[in-house]
Amino acid sequence: MPININRCTVESIKDLMPFIQVARSGSFTAAANRLGVSTAAVSKSIARLENQLDTRLFNRTTRSIHLTAEGKLFFDHVDAGFARIDQAINLVEEARGGPVGLIRLSTMTYFGRHLLMPLVPTFLDTFPNVSLEISMNDIMPDLVSEGFDVRIIHGQPTETRYVYRHLYRLPLVLVASPEYLSRKGEPRHPDDLVHHDCITALRLSGERYSWNFTAETSDNATQQSASYVHYPNGRLVVSKQVDTVVDAALMGLGVTVTFVESVLEHLESGRLQVLLPDFLVDDDGRNDSEIFIQYPHREYLSLKVRVLIDFLIEHFYSYELRDYSPATLKQRYQPGAG
């Protein structure tokens, strides 16, 4: 039976929030806890709303509760309407007093730990009325359905329903521990890696990353690039939390390619060493080292989200200017090394 919106009253409008909370959580108890009321009060609100609409909104069993087809249609429209109301309130509050409120952000674990978190104190000091909720997960959640304002992803986005902007390109480096190198020797050319234990990572698709190396060679007349591709086939493969390859390298288990920021402290302490300094390291052409910031829409973008996006883009632009080439890193942390 189609929903008869004309039969809604002021009372049924009051019952919309319990309905939204039950639809989101799939639980009367969870909705009651979030709203600070009793489960019985939530149940009565849903019953009143269903009576006003003359439509069943949920299918209930002893173990679960699910929206009916009509309930899903109603929820989609009501939830969108409440989101617009929240946006309007935020815009008015921000126009009066500057950015304010909670920003929910999702990011990959390694990026969050090594690059995002060091910026958080400065951001919170700059915007004292803004709060951050940061979720670190290498399997990216959906922005809208899971309620995130912003997410940081790697690789060129393929979705057209979200807005995205380039944030950073992760510089890569090949490293190993001194203990490992004392046993196996130091590679001098990418071709030498076939004789080494290579610690590698898996893509979410299950494929292994390849390691691409480029050497700049020149003479009096020409300058050209010599490229080499190595397909690591070591005994240790890491999936999902790819920065775990750094932990494995610190244990002396082999050589690995990782992003520079995750190993700077270990290069400084001497626990890891830069390898093949005459070769630039890159991903395998799929732009996985390219980092983008993504958000649902441009229209009605709240000030709190806008200042976060601008803050991150400004800071990571300055990061792009840093010289993290393998040759520079080798000279900086192992001066005199040949």
C-alpha atoms as a PDB file:
ATOM      1  CA  MET A   1       0.000   0.000   0.000  1.00  0.00           C
ATOM      2  CA  PRO A   2       1.468   3.424  -0.881  1.00  0.00           C
ATOM      3  CA  ILE A   3       2.349   5.822   1.934  1.00  0.00           C
ATOM      4  CA  ASN A   4      -0.229   8.530   2.500  1.00  0.00           C
ATOM      5  CA  ILE A   5       1.917  11.508   3.554  1.00  0.00           C
ATOM      6  CA  ASN A   6      -1.150  13.750   3.895  1.00  0.00           C
ATOM      7  CA  ARG A   7      -2.221  11.811   6.985  1.00  0.00           C
ATOM      8  CA  CYS A   8       0.963  12.864   8.898  1.00  0.00           C
ATOM      9  CA  THR A   9       0.344  15.107  11.900  1.00  0.00           C
ATOM     10  CA  VAL A  10       2.518  17.087  14.294  1.00  0.00           C
ATOM     11  CA  GLU A  11       2.585  14.044  16.564  1.00  0.00           C
ATOM     12  CA  SER A  12       3.867  11.810  13.778  1.00  0.00           C
ATOM     13  CA  ILE A  13       6.621  14.319  13.005  1.00  0.00           C
ATOM     14  CA  LYS A  14       7.773  13.957  16.627  1.00  0.00           C
ATOM     15  CA  ASP A  15       7.979  10.232  16.028  1.00  0.00           C
ATOM     16  CA  LEU A  16      10.327  10.583  13.079  1.00  0.00           C
ATOM     17  CA  MET A  17      13.528  10.643  15.134  1.00  0.00           C
ATOM     18  CA  PRO A  18      12.840   7.296  16.878  1.00  0.00           C
ATOM     19  CA  PHE A  19      12.004   5.882  13.444  1.00  0.00           C
ATOM     20  CA  ILE A  20      15.295   7.145  11.977  1.00  0.00           C
ATOM     21  CA  GLN A  21      17.328   5.769  14.874  1.00  0.00           C
ATOM     22  CA  VAL A  22      15.704   2.322  14.654  1.00  0.00           C
ATOM     23  CA  ALA A  23      16.210   2.256  10.875  1.00  0.00           C
ATOM     24  CA  ARG A  24      19.878   3.158  11.247  1.00  0.00           C
ATOM     25  CA  SER A  25      20.692   0.795  14.099  1.00  0.00           C
ATOM     26  CA  GLY A  26      18.302  -2.055  13.356  1.00  0.00           C
ATOM     27  CA  SER A  27      17.436  -2.178  17.046  1.00  0.00           C
ATOM     28  CA  PHE A  28      14.768  -0.651  19.315  1.00  0.00           C
ATOM     29  CA  THR A  29      17.172  -0.903  22.264  1.00  0.00           C
ATOM     30  CA  ALA A  30      20.028   0.848  20.474  1.00  0.00           C
ATOM     31  CA  ALA A  31      17.659   3.589  19.307  1.00  0.00           C
ATOM     32  CA  ALA A  32      16.335   4.061  22.844  1.00  0.00           C
ATOM     33  CA  ASN A  33      19.856   4.305  24.264  1.00  0.00           C
ATOM     34  CA  ARG A  34      20.836   6.897  21.686  1.00  0.00           C
ATOM     35  CA  LEU A  35      17.727   8.978  22.340  1.00  0.00           C
ATOM     36  CA  GLY A  36      17.847   8.579  26.126  1.00  0.00           C
ATOM     37  CA  VAL A  37      14.345   7.103  26.373  1.00  0.00           C
ATOM     38  CA  SER A  38      12.885   3.703  27.131  1.00  0.00           C
ATOM     39  CA  THR A  39      12.529   0.924  24.572  1.00  0.00           C
ATOM     40  CA  ALA A  40       8.778   1.005  25.192  1.00  0.00           C
ATOM     41  CA  ALA A  41       8.674   4.703  24.287  1.00  0.00           C
ATOM     42  CA  VAL A  42      10.466   3.996  20.993  1.00  0.00           C
ATOM     43  CA  SER A  43       8.077   1.132  20.245  1.00  0.00           C
ATOM     44  CA  LYS A  44       5.061   3.366  20.879  1.00  0.00           C
ATOM     45  CA  SER A  45       6.479   6.075  18.604  1.00  0.00           C
ATOM     46  CA  ILE A  46       6.933   3.579  15.769  1.00  0.00           C
ATOM     47  CA  ALA A  47       3.418   2.212  16.305  1.00  0.00           C
ATOM     48  CA  ARG A  48       1.921   5.723  16.202  1.00  0.00           C
ATOM     49  CA  LEU A  49       3.840   6.550  13.033  1.00  0.00           C
ATOM     50  CA  GLU A  50       2.755   3.347  11.308  1.00  0.00           C
ATOM     51  CA  ASN A  51      -0.835   4.045  12.333  1.00  0.00           C
ATOM     52  CA  GLN A  52      -0.693   7.613  10.988  1.00  0.00           C
ATOM     53  CA  LEU A  53       0.827   6.433   7.693  1.00  0.00           C
ATOM     54  CA  ASP A  54      -1.431   3.381   7.539  1.00  0.00           C
ATOM     55  CA  THR A  55       1.696   1.459   6.509  1.00  0.00           C
ATOM     56  CA  ARG A  56       3.942  -1.120   8.142  1.00  0.00           C
ATOM     57  CA  LEU A  57       7.472   0.321   8.275  1.00  0.00           C
ATOM     58  CA  PHE A  58       9.343  -2.618   9.827  1.00  0.00           C
ATOM     59  CA  ASN A  59       9.269  -6.390   9.597  1.00  0.00           C
ATOM     60  CA  ARG A  60       9.925  -7.710  13.095  1.00  0.00           C
ATOM     61  CA  THR A  61      11.136 -11.129  14.206  1.00  0.00           C
ATOM     62  CA  THR A  62      12.349 -12.324  17.594  1.00  0.00           C
ATOM     63  CA  ARG A  63      15.949 -11.796  16.472  1.00  0.00           C
ATOM     64  CA  SER A  64      15.967  -8.906  14.027  1.00  0.00           C
ATOM     65  CA  ILE A  65      14.114  -5.939  12.621  1.00  0.00           C
ATOM     66  CA  HIS A  66      14.242  -4.757   9.024  1.00  0.00           C
ATOM     67  CA  LEU A  67      12.633  -1.990   7.013  1.00  0.00           C
ATOM     68  CA  THR A  68       9.831  -2.972   4.684  1.00  0.00           C
ATOM     69  CA  ALA A  69      10.000  -1.748   1.092  1.00  0.00           C
ATOM     70  CA  GLU A  70       7.669   1.123   2.021  1.00  0.00           C
ATOM     71  CA  GLY A  71       9.709   1.774   5.160  1.00  0.00           C
ATOM     72  CA  LYS A  72      12.933   1.957   3.132  1.00  0.00           C
ATOM     73  CA  LEU A  73      11.341   4.447   0.725  1.00  0.00           C
ATOM     74  CA  PHE A  74      10.081   6.552   3.624  1.00  0.00           C
ATOM     75  CA  PHE A  75      13.426   6.387   5.452  1.00  0.00           C
ATOM     76  CA  ASP A  76      15.404   7.517   2.401  1.00  0.00           C
ATOM     77  CA  HIS A  77      13.288  10.657   2.052  1.00  0.00           C
ATOM     78  CA  VAL A  78      13.034  11.440   5.770  1.00  0.00           C
ATOM     79  CA  ASP A  79      16.724  10.862   6.422  1.00  0.00           C
ATOM     80  CA  ALA A  80      17.663  13.139   3.530  1.00  0.00           C
ATOM     81  CA  GLY A  81      15.318  15.788   4.888  1.00  0.00           C
ATOM     82  CA  PHE A  82      16.841  15.644   8.369  1.00  0.00           C
ATOM     83  CA  ALA A  83      20.308  15.852   6.842  1.00  0.00           C
ATOM     84  CA  ARG A  84      19.310  19.066   5.092  1.00  0.00           C
ATOM     85  CA  ILE A  85      17.943  20.427   8.370  1.00  0.00           C
ATOM     86  CA  ASP A  86      21.241  19.590  10.107  1.00  0.00           C
ATOM     87  CA  GLN A  87      23.115  21.336   7.303  1.00  0.00           C
ATOM     88  CA  ALA A  88      20.938  24.417   7.622  1.00  0.00           C
ATOM     89  CA  ILE A  89      21.482  24.563  11.391  1.00  0.00           C
ATOM     90  CA  ASN A  90      25.248  24.128  10.957  1.00  0.00           C
ATOM     91  CA  LEU A  91      25.398  26.848   8.312  1.00  0.00           C
ATOM     92  CA  VAL A  92      23.545  29.308  10.561  1.00  0.00           C
ATOM     93  CA  GLU A  93      25.704  28.450  13.593  1.00  0.00           C
ATOM     94  CA  GLU A  94      28.890  28.732  11.564  1.00  0.00           C
ATOM     95  CA  ALA A  95      27.835  32.034  10.019  1.00  0.00           C
ATOM     96  CA  ARG A  96      27.384  33.369  13.548  1.00  0.00           C
ATOM     97  CA  GLY A  97      30.397  31.905  15.303  1.00  0.00           C
ATOM     98  CA  GLY A  98      32.747  30.214  12.849  1.00  0.00           C
ATOM     99  CA  PRO A  99      33.248  26.479  12.226  1.00  0.00           C
ATOM    100  CA  VAL A 100      31.664  24.325  14.907  1.00  0.00           C
ATOM    101  CA  GLY A 101      30.669  20.704  15.434  1.00  0.00           C
ATOM    102  CA  LEU A 102      31.871  17.154  14.857  1.00  0.00           C
ATOM    103  CA  ILE A 103      33.630  16.028  11.669  1.00  0.00           C
ATOM    104  CA  ARG A 104      33.674  12.280  10.991  1.00  0.00           C
ATOM    105  CA  LEU A 105      36.681  11.292   8.888  1.00  0.00           C
ATOM    106  CA  SER A 106      37.783   7.927   7.505  1.00  0.00           C
ATOM    107  CA  THR A 107      41.343   7.193   6.407  1.00  0.00           C
ATOM    108  CA  MET A 108      43.708   4.334   5.643  1.00  0.00           C
ATOM    109  CA  THR A 109      45.550   3.105   8.723  1.00  0.00           C
ATOM    110  CA  TYR A 110      49.087   3.906   7.577  1.00  0.00           C
ATOM    111  CA  PHE A 111      48.153   7.385   6.345  1.00  0.00           C
ATOM    112  CA  GLY A 112      46.252   8.133   9.533  1.00  0.00           C
ATOM    113  CA  ARG A 113      49.056   7.038  11.844  1.00  0.00           C
ATOM    114  CA  HIS A 114      52.023   8.607  10.113  1.00  0.00           C
ATOM    115  CA  LEU A 115      50.662  11.630   8.249  1.00  0.00           C
ATOM    116  CA  LEU A 116      47.255  12.672   9.536  1.00  0.00           C
ATOM    117  CA  MET A 117      47.619  12.340  13.306  1.00  0.00           C
ATOM    118  CA  PRO A 118      50.688  14.647  13.533  1.00  0.00           C
ATOM    119  CA  LEU A 119      48.502  17.430  12.077  1.00  0.00           C
ATOM    120  CA  VAL A 120      45.542  16.912  14.424  1.00  0.00           C
ATOM    121  CA  PRO A 121      46.846  19.041  17.355  1.00  0.00           C
ATOM    122  CA  THR A 122      47.421  22.037  15.067  1.00  0.00           C
ATOM    123  CA  PHE A 123      43.995  21.689  13.489  1.00  0.00           C
ATOM    124  CA  LEU A 124      42.189  21.430  16.842  1.00  0.00           C
ATOM    125  CA  ASP A 125      44.125  24.395  18.221  1.00  0.00           C
ATOM    126  CA  THR A 126      43.257  26.453  15.140  1.00  0.00           C
ATOM    127  CA  PHE A 127      39.555  25.562  15.288  1.00  0.00           C
ATOM    128  CA  PRO A 128      38.658  25.154  18.978  1.00  0.00           C
ATOM    129  CA  ASN A 129      34.936  24.604  18.357  1.00  0.00           C
ATOM    130  CA  VAL A 130      35.463  21.678  15.972  1.00  0.00           C
ATOM    131  CA  SER A 131      35.809  18.043  17.058  1.00  0.00           C
ATOM    132  CA  LEU A 132      37.192  15.117  15.060  1.00  0.00           C
ATOM    133  CA  GLU A 133      36.151  11.487  14.975  1.00  0.00           C
ATOM    134  CA  ILE A 134      38.771   9.568  12.977  1.00  0.00           C
ATOM    135  CA  SER A 135      38.236   6.011  11.751  1.00  0.00           C
ATOM    136  CA  MET A 136      41.329   4.162  10.498  1.00  0.00           C
ATOM    137  CA  ASN A 137      40.540   1.229   8.252  1.00  0.00           C
ATOM    138  CA  ASP A 138      42.263  -0.039   5.133  1.00  0.00           C
ATOM    139  CA  ILE A 139      38.906  -1.223   3.774  1.00  0.00           C
ATOM    140  CA  MET A 140      37.199   2.032   2.930  1.00  0.00           C
ATOM    141  CA  PRO A 141      33.616   2.488   4.214  1.00  0.00           C
ATOM    142  CA  ASP A 142      30.930   4.162   2.138  1.00  0.00           C
ATOM    143  CA  LEU A 143      30.746   7.873   2.875  1.00  0.00           C
ATOM    144  CA  VAL A 144      27.006   8.415   2.996  1.00  0.00           C
ATOM    145  CA  SER A 145      25.671   5.129   4.335  1.00  0.00           C
ATOM    146  CA  GLU A 146      28.165   5.108   7.222  1.00  0.00           C
ATOM    147  CA  GLY A 147      27.792   8.798   8.007  1.00  0.00           C
ATOM    148  CA  PHE A 148      31.272  10.132   7.225  1.00  0.00           C
ATOM    149  CA  ASP A 149      31.837  13.743   6.214  1.00  0.00           C
ATOM    150  CA  VAL A 150      35.217  13.119   4.581  1.00  0.00           C
ATOM    151  CA  ARG A 151      37.388  10.167   3.665  1.00  0.00           C
ATOM    152  CA  ILE A 152      40.996   9.920   2.560  1.00  0.00           C
ATOM    153  CA  ILE A 153      41.708   7.238  -0.033  1.00  0.00           C
ATOM    154  CA  HIS A 154      44.584   6.030  -2.192  1.00  0.00           C
ATOM    155  CA  GLY A 155      44.355   5.617  -5.947  1.00  0.00           C
ATOM    156  CA  GLN A 156      42.378   7.599  -8.502  1.00  0.00           C
ATOM    157  CA  PRO A 157      38.700   7.513  -7.426  1.00  0.00           C
ATOM    158  CA  THR A 158      36.340   5.845  -9.864  1.00  0.00           C
ATOM    159  CA  GLU A 159      33.066   6.913  -8.233  1.00  0.00           C
ATOM    160  CA  THR A 160      31.290   9.846  -9.842  1.00  0.00           C
ATOM    161  CA  ARG A 161      28.803  10.500  -7.041  1.00  0.00           C
ATOM    162  CA  TYR A 162      31.431  12.047  -4.741  1.00  0.00           C
ATOM    163  CA  VAL A 163      33.697  15.070  -5.043  1.00  0.00           C
ATOM    164  CA  TYR A 164      37.425  14.462  -4.686  1.00  0.00           C
ATOM    165  CA  ARG A 165      40.629  16.513  -4.675  1.00  0.00           C
ATOM    166  CA  HIS A 166      44.257  15.472  -4.879  1.00  0.00           C
ATOM    167  CA  LEU A 167      45.955  15.608  -1.500  1.00  0.00           C
ATOM    168  CA  TYR A 168      49.422  14.053  -1.672  1.00  0.00           C
ATOM    169  CA  ARG A 169      51.675  11.628  -3.515  1.00  0.00           C
ATOM    170  CA  LEU A 170      53.404   9.217  -1.141  1.00  0.00           C
ATOM    171  CA  PRO A 171      57.156   9.026  -1.774  1.00  0.00           C
ATOM    172  CA  LEU A 172      58.457   5.452  -1.666  1.00  0.00           C
ATOM    173  CA  VAL A 173      61.799   3.985  -0.607  1.00  0.00           C
ATOM    174  CA  LEU A 174      63.453   0.555  -0.486  1.00  0.00           C
ATOM    175  CA  VAL A 175      64.814  -0.344   2.972  1.00  0.00           C
ATOM    176  CA  ALA A 176      66.233  -3.166   5.057  1.00  0.00           C
ATOM    177  CA  SER A 177      67.764  -3.574   8.501  1.00  0.00           C
ATOM    178  CA  PRO A 178      71.538  -3.632   9.078  1.00  0.00           C
ATOM    179  CA  GLU A 179      71.160  -7.145  10.561  1.00  0.00           C
ATOM    180  CA  TYR A 180      69.580  -8.444   7.359  1.00  0.00           C
ATOM    181  CA  LEU A 181      72.203  -6.729   5.166  1.00  0.00           C
ATOM    182  CA  SER A 182      75.037  -8.222   7.233  1.00  0.00           C
ATOM    183  CA  ARG A 183      73.669 -11.680   6.381  1.00  0.00           C
ATOM    184  CA  LYS A 184      72.626 -11.177   2.769  1.00  0.00           C
ATOM    185  CA  GLY A 185      74.685  -8.254   1.538  1.00  0.00           C
ATOM    186  CA  GLU A 186      73.410  -4.996   0.038  1.00  0.00           C
ATOM    187  CA  PRO A 187      71.818  -4.989  -3.436  1.00  0.00           C
ATOM    188  CA  ARG A 188      73.470  -2.571  -5.864  1.00  0.00           C
ATOM    189  CA  HIS A 189      71.009  -2.908  -8.738  1.00  0.00           C
ATOM    190  CA  PRO A 190      67.299  -3.843  -9.002  1.00  0.00           C
ATOM    191  CA  ASP A 191      68.298  -7.083 -10.726  1.00  0.00           C
ATOM    192  CA  ASP A 192      70.069  -8.125  -7.501  1.00  0.00           C
ATOM    193  CA  LEU A 193      66.705  -8.334  -5.703  1.00  0.00           C
ATOM    194  CA  VAL A 194      66.076 -11.817  -7.124  1.00  0.00           C
ATOM    195  CA  HIS A 195      68.663 -13.024  -4.578  1.00  0.00           C
ATOM    196  CA  HIS A 196      66.983 -11.303  -1.622  1.00  0.00           C
ATOM    197  CA  ASP A 197      64.072 -11.989   0.705  1.00  0.00           C
ATOM    198  CA  CYS A 198      61.443  -9.466  -0.391  1.00  0.00           C
ATOM    199  CA  ILE A 199      58.647  -8.497   1.980  1.00  0.00           C
ATOM    200  CA  THR A 200      55.674  -7.400  -0.062  1.00  0.00           C
ATOM    201  CA  ALA A 201      52.034  -6.395   0.353  1.00  0.00           C
ATOM    202  CA  LEU A 202      48.812  -7.494  -1.249  1.00  0.00           C
ATOM    203  CA  ARG A 203      46.274  -5.224  -2.870  1.00  0.00           C
ATOM    204  CA  LEU A 204      42.672  -5.508  -1.736  1.00  0.00           C
ATOM    205  CA  SER A 205      42.125  -7.442  -4.996  1.00  0.00           C
ATOM    206  CA  GLY A 206      44.646 -10.060  -3.827  1.00  0.00           C
ATOM    207  CA  GLU A 207      47.357  -9.101  -6.317  1.00  0.00           C
ATOM    208  CA  ARG A 208      50.928  -8.474  -5.224  1.00  0.00           C
ATOM    209  CA  TYR A 209      52.486  -5.089  -5.792  1.00  0.00           C
ATOM    210  CA  SER A 210      55.364  -4.884  -8.240  1.00  0.00           C
ATOM    211  CA  TRP A 211      58.377  -2.665  -7.502  1.00  0.00           C
ATOM    212  CA  ASN A 212      59.323  -0.169 -10.222  1.00  0.00           C
ATOM    213  CA  PHE A 213      62.754   1.462 -10.282  1.00  0.00           C
ATOM    214  CA  THR A 214      63.994   4.282 -12.500  1.00  0.00           C
ATOM    215  CA  ALA A 215      67.630   5.351 -12.905  1.00  0.00           C
ATOM    216  CA  GLU A 216      68.453   8.686 -14.507  1.00  0.00           C
ATOM    217  CA  THR A 217      71.362   8.282 -16.939  1.00  0.00           C
ATOM    218  CA  SER A 218      72.876  11.028 -19.044  1.00  0.00           C
ATOM    219  CA  ASP A 219      75.763  11.852 -21.358  1.00  0.00           C
ATOM    220  CA  ASN A 220      76.820  15.001 -23.183  1.00  0.00           C
ATOM    221  CA  ALA A 221      74.046  14.724 -25.762  1.00  0.00           C
ATOM    222  CA  THR A 222      71.089  12.965 -24.228  1.00  0.00           C
ATOM    223  CA  GLN A 223      69.327  12.241 -20.979  1.00  0.00           C
ATOM    224  CA  GLN A 224      67.190   9.161 -20.633  1.00  0.00           C
ATOM    225  CA  SER A 225      65.608   7.011 -17.972  1.00  0.00           C
ATOM    226  CA  ALA A 226      66.409   3.346 -17.486  1.00  0.00           C
ATOM    227  CA  SER A 227      63.484   1.470 -15.919  1.00  0.00           C
ATOM    228  CA  TYR A 228      63.382  -1.857 -14.117  1.00  0.00           C
ATOM    229  CA  VAL A 229      60.455  -3.840 -12.739  1.00  0.00           C
ATOM    230  CA  HIS A 230      60.842  -6.384  -9.973  1.00  0.00           C
ATOM    231  CA  TYR A 231      58.063  -8.789  -8.986  1.00  0.00           C
ATOM    232  CA  PRO A 232      58.835  -9.669  -5.360  1.00  0.00           C
ATOM    233  CA  ASN A 233      58.256 -13.288  -4.510  1.00  0.00           C
ATOM    234  CA  GLY A 234      59.415 -13.544  -0.925  1.00  0.00           C
ATOM    235  CA  ARG A 235      58.238 -15.843   1.835  1.00  0.00           C
ATOM    236  CA  LEU A 236      56.358 -13.084   3.691  1.00  0.00           C
ATOM    237  CA  VAL A 237      53.329 -11.281   2.246  1.00  0.00           C
ATOM    238  CA  VAL A 238      51.319  -8.709   4.205  1.00  0.00           C
ATOM    239  CA  SER A 239      47.679  -7.914   3.476  1.00  0.00           C
ATOM    240  CA  LYS A 240      45.261  -5.190   4.603  1.00  0.00           C
ATOM    241  CA  GLN A 241      47.489  -3.189   6.996  1.00  0.00           C
ATOM    242  CA  VAL A 242      50.283  -2.715   4.509  1.00  0.00           C
ATOM    243  CA  ASP A 243      52.560  -0.678   6.790  1.00  0.00           C
ATOM    244  CA  THR A 244      53.224  -3.930   8.671  1.00  0.00           C
ATOM    245  CA  VAL A 245      55.990  -4.491   6.100  1.00  0.00           C
ATOM    246  CA  VAL A 246      57.998  -1.940   8.107  1.00  0.00           C
ATOM    247  CA  ASP A 247      57.700  -4.049  11.270  1.00  0.00           C
ATOM    248  CA  ALA A 248      58.870  -7.092   9.298  1.00  0.00           C
ATOM    249  CA  ALA A 249      61.869  -5.193   7.922  1.00  0.00           C
ATOM    250  CA  LEU A 250      62.814  -4.054  11.449  1.00  0.00           C
ATOM    251  CA  MET A 251      62.842  -7.730  12.470  1.00  0.00           C
ATOM    252  CA  GLY A 252      65.448  -8.429   9.788  1.00  0.00           C
ATOM    253  CA  LEU A 253      63.107 -10.533   7.650  1.00  0.00           C
ATOM    254  CA  GLY A 254      64.053  -8.929   4.343  1.00  0.00           C
ATOM    255  CA  VAL A 255      63.934  -5.862   2.115  1.00  0.00           C
ATOM    256  CA  THR A 256      60.732  -3.954   1.454  1.00  0.00           C
ATOM    257  CA  VAL A 257      59.306  -0.947  -0.352  1.00  0.00           C
ATOM    258  CA  THR A 258      57.293   1.406   1.829  1.00  0.00           C
ATOM    259  CA  PHE A 259      56.367   5.049   2.016  1.00  0.00           C
ATOM    260  CA  VAL A 260      59.050   7.351   3.353  1.00  0.00           C
ATOM    261  CA  GLU A 261      57.168   8.906   6.283  1.00  0.00           C
ATOM    262  CA  SER A 262      56.686   5.513   7.911  1.00  0.00           C
ATOM    263  CA  VAL A 263      60.442   4.890   8.191  1.00  0.00           C
ATOM    264  CA  LEU A 264      61.994   8.307   8.848  1.00  0.00           C
ATOM    265  CA  GLU A 265      62.458   7.661  12.568  1.00  0.00           C
ATOM    266  CA  HIS A 266      63.988   4.249  11.812  1.00  0.00           C
ATOM    267  CA  LEU A 267      66.389   5.741   9.258  1.00  0.00           C
ATOM    268  CA  GLU A 268      67.425   8.355  11.799  1.00  0.00           C
ATOM    269  CA  SER A 269      68.015   5.736  14.496  1.00  0.00           C
ATOM    270  CA  GLY A 270      69.895   3.478  12.063  1.00  0.00           C
ATOM    271  CA  ARG A 271      67.488   0.565  12.507  1.00  0.00           C
ATOM    272  CA  LEU A 272      66.762   0.676   8.769  1.00  0.00           C
ATOM    273  CA  GLN A 273      68.917   1.676   5.812  1.00  0.00           C
ATOM    274  CA  VAL A 274      68.056   3.068   2.381  1.00  0.00           C
ATOM    275  CA  LEU A 275      68.875   0.734  -0.503  1.00  0.00           C
ATOM    276  CA  LEU A 276      69.483   1.442  -4.199  1.00  0.00           C
ATOM    277  CA  PRO A 277      69.923   5.207  -3.679  1.00  0.00           C
ATOM    278  CA  ASP A 278      70.567   5.756  -7.402  1.00  0.00           C
ATOM    279  CA  PHE A 279      67.084   4.524  -8.329  1.00  0.00           C
ATOM    280  CA  LEU A 280      63.732   6.219  -7.821  1.00  0.00           C
ATOM    281  CA  VAL A 281      60.991   3.896  -6.573  1.00  0.00           C
ATOM    282  CA  ASP A 282      57.427   4.101  -7.847  1.00  0.00           C
ATOM    283  CA  ASP A 283      54.221   2.099  -7.715  1.00  0.00           C
ATOM    284  CA  ASP A 284      53.292  -0.100 -10.647  1.00  0.00           C
ATOM    285  CA  GLY A 285      51.318   2.408 -12.681  1.00  0.00           C
ATOM    286  CA  ARG A 286      48.019   2.166 -10.802  1.00  0.00           C
ATOM    287  CA  ASN A 287      48.650   5.347  -8.828  1.00  0.00           C
ATOM    288  CA  ASP A 288      48.188   3.668  -5.450  1.00  0.00           C
ATOM    289  CA  SER A 289      50.639   6.154  -3.967  1.00  0.00           C
ATOM    290  CA  GLU A 290      48.366   9.026  -5.004  1.00  0.00           C
ATOM    291  CA  ILE A 291      46.224  10.194  -2.077  1.00  0.00           C
ATOM    292  CA  PHE A 292      42.866  11.925  -2.513  1.00  0.00           C
ATOM    293  CA  ILE A 293      40.412  13.562  -0.130  1.00  0.00           C
ATOM    294  CA  GLN A 294      36.795  12.780  -0.909  1.00  0.00           C
ATOM    295  CA  TYR A 295      33.473  14.209   0.291  1.00  0.00           C
ATOM    296  CA  PRO A 296      29.841  13.751  -0.745  1.00  0.00           C
ATOM    297  CA  HIS A 297      28.930  17.049  -2.408  1.00  0.00           C
ATOM    298  CA  ARG A 298      29.848  20.670  -3.005  1.00  0.00           C
ATOM    299  CA  GLU A 299      26.400  22.108  -2.307  1.00  0.00           C
ATOM    300  CA  TYR A 300      25.810  23.122   1.310  1.00  0.00           C
ATOM    301  CA  LEU A 301      29.301  22.029   2.295  1.00  0.00           C
ATOM    302  CA  SER A 302      29.542  23.016   5.944  1.00  0.00           C
ATOM    303  CA  LEU A 303      32.212  25.448   7.029  1.00  0.00           C
ATOM    304  CA  LYS A 304      33.744  22.926   9.432  1.00  0.00           C
ATOM    305  CA  VAL A 305      34.302  20.453   6.577  1.00  0.00           C
ATOM    306  CA  ARG A 306      35.525  23.173   4.230  1.00  0.00           C
ATOM    307  CA  VAL A 307      38.168  24.389   6.688  1.00  0.00           C
ATOM    308  CA  LEU A 308      39.368  20.823   7.265  1.00  0.00           C
ATOM    309  CA  ILE A 309      39.740  20.207   3.523  1.00  0.00           C
ATOM    310  CA  ASP A 310      41.585  23.495   2.997  1.00  0.00           C
ATOM    311  CA  PHE A 311      43.793  22.845   6.042  1.00  0.00           C
ATOM    312  CA  LEU A 312      44.873  19.414   4.789  1.00  0.00           C
ATOM    313  CA  ILE A 313      45.446  20.509   1.202  1.00  0.00           C
ATOM    314  CA  GLU A 314      47.601  23.425   2.356  1.00  0.00           C
ATOM    315  CA  HIS A 315      49.730  21.278   4.650  1.00  0.00           C
ATOM    316  CA  PHE A 316      50.253  18.453   2.191  1.00  0.00           C
ATOM    317  CA  TYR A 317      51.163  20.876  -0.566  1.00  0.00           C
ATOM    318  CA  SER A 318      54.123  21.890   1.577  1.00  0.00           C
ATOM    319  CA  TYR A 319      54.970  18.180   2.020  1.00  0.00           C
ATOM    320  CA  GLU A 320      55.178  17.779  -1.755  1.00  0.00           C
ATOM    321  CA  LEU A 321      58.081  20.238  -1.763  1.00  0.00           C
ATOM    322  CA  ARG A 322      60.249  18.017   0.454  1.00  0.00           C
ATOM    323  CA  ASP A 323      63.133  16.138  -1.143  1.00  0.00           C
ATOM    324  CA  TYR A 324      62.611  12.499  -0.207  1.00  0.00           C
ATOM    325  CA  SER A 325      64.574  10.959  -3.059  1.00  0.00           C
ATOM    326  CA  PRO A 326      66.506   7.800  -2.076  1.00  0.00           C
ATOM    327  CA  ALA A 327      69.847   9.508  -2.786  1.00  0.00           C
ATOM    328  CA  THR A 328      69.000  12.421  -0.477  1.00  0.00           C
ATOM    329  CA  LEU A 329      67.739  10.107   2.259  1.00  0.00           C
ATOM    330  CA  LYS A 330      70.880   7.957   2.032  1.00  0.00           C
ATOM    331  CA  GLN A 331      73.117  11.003   2.334  1.00  0.00           C
ATOM    332  CA  ARG A 332      71.066  12.543   5.132  1.00  0.00           C
ATOM    333  CA  TYR A 333      70.856   9.486   7.361  1.00  0.00           C
ATOM    334  CA  GLN A 334      74.001   7.597   6.331  1.00  0.00           C
ATOM    335  CA  PRO A 335      76.491  10.317   5.397  1.00  0.00           C
ATOM    336  CA  GLY A 336      79.548   8.969   3.626  1.00  0.00           C
ATOM    337  CA  ALA A 337      77.805   5.707   2.696  1.00  0.00           C
ATOM    338  CA  GLY A 338      78.774   4.394  -0.687  1.00  0.00           C
END
